[in-house]
Amino acid sequence: MKTLIVELDDEVAAKLERVAPGRARQRSEFIRNAVRKALWEIEEQATAEAYRRHP
Protein backbone atom coordinates (compact mmCIF):
# COMPACT_ATOMS: atom_id res chain seq x y z
CA MET A 1 0.00 0.00 0.00
CA LYS A 2 1.29 3.44 -0.90
CA THR A 3 1.23 6.31 1.62
CA LEU A 4 0.05 9.72 0.40
CA ILE A 5 0.07 13.05 2.19
CA VAL A 6 -2.92 15.27 1.42
CA GLU A 7 -3.43 18.81 2.68
CA LEU A 8 -7.00 19.84 3.54
CA ASP A 9 -8.33 23.23 4.48
CA ASP A 10 -9.50 23.63 8.07
CA GLU A 11 -13.21 23.39 7.25
CA VAL A 12 -12.87 20.13 5.31
CA ALA A 13 -10.54 18.68 7.96
CA ALA A 14 -13.05 19.48 10.72
CA LYS A 15 -15.90 17.87 8.78
CA LEU A 16 -13.77 14.80 8.12
CA GLU A 17 -12.89 14.54 11.82
CA ARG A 18 -16.61 14.55 12.70
CA VAL A 19 -17.53 11.73 10.32
CA ALA A 20 -14.31 9.68 10.48
CA PRO A 21 -12.18 10.28 13.57
CA GLY A 22 -8.49 9.56 13.02
CA ARG A 23 -7.91 7.90 16.37
CA ALA A 24 -10.41 5.14 15.56
CA ARG A 25 -8.59 4.33 12.27
CA GLN A 26 -11.80 5.18 10.45
CA ARG A 27 -10.36 8.15 8.61
CA SER A 28 -8.01 6.24 6.32
CA GLU A 29 -10.71 3.75 5.35
CA PHE A 30 -13.19 6.59 4.77
CA ILE A 31 -10.72 8.38 2.48
CA ARG A 32 -9.82 5.17 0.61
CA ASN A 33 -13.51 4.47 -0.01
CA ALA A 34 -14.15 8.07 -1.11
CA VAL A 35 -11.28 7.87 -3.62
CA ARG A 36 -12.50 4.49 -4.92
CA LYS A 37 -16.01 5.90 -5.35
CA ALA A 38 -14.74 9.01 -7.15
CA LEU A 39 -12.61 6.93 -9.51
CA TRP A 40 -15.51 4.56 -10.21
CA GLU A 41 -17.80 7.52 -10.98
CA ILE A 42 -15.23 8.93 -13.42
CA GLU A 43 -15.01 5.55 -15.18
CA GLU A 44 -18.81 5.28 -15.34
CA GLN A 45 -19.08 8.78 -16.78
CA ALA A 46 -16.47 7.97 -19.44
CA THR A 47 -18.35 4.78 -20.34
CA ALA A 48 -21.67 6.64 -20.59
CA GLU A 49 -20.09 9.30 -22.81
CA ALA A 50 -18.62 6.62 -25.07
CA TYR A 51 -22.05 5.00 -25.46
CA ARG A 52 -23.60 8.38 -26.30
CA ARG A 53 -20.99 8.95 -29.01
CA HIS A 54 -21.26 5.39 -30.39
CA PRO A 55 -24.59 3.81 -29.40
C-alpha atoms as a PDB file:
ATOM      1  CA  MET A   1       0.000   0.000   0.000  1.00  0.00           C
ATOM      2  CA  LYS A   2       1.292   3.445  -0.897  1.00  0.00           C
ATOM      3  CA  THR A   3       1.230   6.312   1.615  1.00  0.00           C
ATOM      4  CA  LEU A   4       0.052   9.722   0.399  1.00  0.00           C
ATOM      5  CA  ILE A   5       0.074  13.054   2.185  1.00  0.00           C
ATOM      6  CA  VAL A   6      -2.924  15.270   1.422  1.00  0.00           C
ATOM      7  CA  GLU A   7      -3.431  18.810   2.679  1.00  0.00           C
ATOM      8  CA  LEU A   8      -7.004  19.838   3.544  1.00  0.00           C
ATOM      9  CA  ASP A   9      -8.329  23.231   4.478  1.00  0.00           C
ATOM     10  CA  ASP A  10      -9.500  23.631   8.074  1.00  0.00           C
ATOM     11  CA  GLU A  11     -13.208  23.388   7.251  1.00  0.00           C
ATOM     12  CA  VAL A  12     -12.866  20.131   5.311  1.00  0.00           C
ATOM     13  CA  ALA A  13     -10.538  18.677   7.962  1.00  0.00           C
ATOM     14  CA  ALA A  14     -13.049  19.484  10.720  1.00  0.00           C
ATOM     15  CA  LYS A  15     -15.901  17.865   8.777  1.00  0.00           C
ATOM     16  CA  LEU A  16     -13.765  14.796   8.123  1.00  0.00           C
ATOM     17  CA  GLU A  17     -12.891  14.541  11.825  1.00  0.00           C
ATOM     18  CA  ARG A  18     -16.609  14.551  12.699  1.00  0.00           C
ATOM     19  CA  VAL A  19     -17.532  11.726  10.317  1.00  0.00           C
ATOM     20  CA  ALA A  20     -14.315   9.681  10.478  1.00  0.00           C
ATOM     21  CA  PRO A  21     -12.184  10.278  13.573  1.00  0.00           C
ATOM     22  CA  GLY A  22      -8.487   9.565  13.017  1.00  0.00           C
ATOM     23  CA  ARG A  23      -7.915   7.899  16.372  1.00  0.00           C
ATOM     24  CA  ALA A  24     -10.413   5.138  15.556  1.00  0.00           C
ATOM     25  CA  ARG A  25      -8.586   4.325  12.275  1.00  0.00           C
ATOM     26  CA  GLN A  26     -11.805   5.181  10.447  1.00  0.00           C
ATOM     27  CA  ARG A  27     -10.363   8.150   8.609  1.00  0.00           C
ATOM     28  CA  SER A  28      -8.008   6.239   6.323  1.00  0.00           C
ATOM     29  CA  GLU A  29     -10.708   3.751   5.352  1.00  0.00           C
ATOM     30  CA  PHE A  30     -13.188   6.590   4.771  1.00  0.00           C
ATOM     31  CA  ILE A  31     -10.721   8.376   2.475  1.00  0.00           C
ATOM     32  CA  ARG A  32      -9.820   5.166   0.609  1.00  0.00           C
ATOM     33  CA  ASN A  33     -13.513   4.473  -0.010  1.00  0.00           C
ATOM     34  CA  ALA A  34     -14.150   8.066  -1.112  1.00  0.00           C
ATOM     35  CA  VAL A  35     -11.284   7.872  -3.618  1.00  0.00           C
ATOM     36  CA  ARG A  36     -12.496   4.493  -4.920  1.00  0.00           C
ATOM     37  CA  LYS A  37     -16.008   5.904  -5.352  1.00  0.00           C
ATOM     38  CA  ALA A  38     -14.741   9.014  -7.149  1.00  0.00           C
ATOM     39  CA  LEU A  39     -12.606   6.927  -9.514  1.00  0.00           C
ATOM     40  CA  TRP A  40     -15.513   4.556 -10.206  1.00  0.00           C
ATOM     41  CA  GLU A  41     -17.798   7.517 -10.981  1.00  0.00           C
ATOM     42  CA  ILE A  42     -15.225   8.927 -13.422  1.00  0.00           C
ATOM     43  CA  GLU A  43     -15.013   5.554 -15.184  1.00  0.00           C
ATOM     44  CA  GLU A  44     -18.808   5.283 -15.336  1.00  0.00           C
ATOM     45  CA  GLN A  45     -19.079   8.780 -16.780  1.00  0.00           C
ATOM     46  CA  ALA A  46     -16.471   7.966 -19.437  1.00  0.00           C
ATOM     47  CA  THR A  47     -18.351   4.776 -20.344  1.00  0.00           C
ATOM     48  CA  ALA A  48     -21.671   6.642 -20.587  1.00  0.00           C
ATOM     49  CA  GLU A  49     -20.090   9.305 -22.806  1.00  0.00           C
ATOM     50  CA  ALA A  50     -18.615   6.619 -25.071  1.00  0.00           C
ATOM     51  CA  TYR A  51     -22.051   5.004 -25.457  1.00  0.00           C
ATOM     52  CA  ARG A  52     -23.595   8.383 -26.295  1.00  0.00           C
ATOM     53  CA  ARG A  53     -20.989   8.947 -29.012  1.00  0.00           C
ATOM     54  CA  HIS A  54     -21.257   5.393 -30.389  1.00  0.00           C
ATOM     55  CA  PRO A  55     -24.591   3.808 -29.396  1.00  0.00           C
END
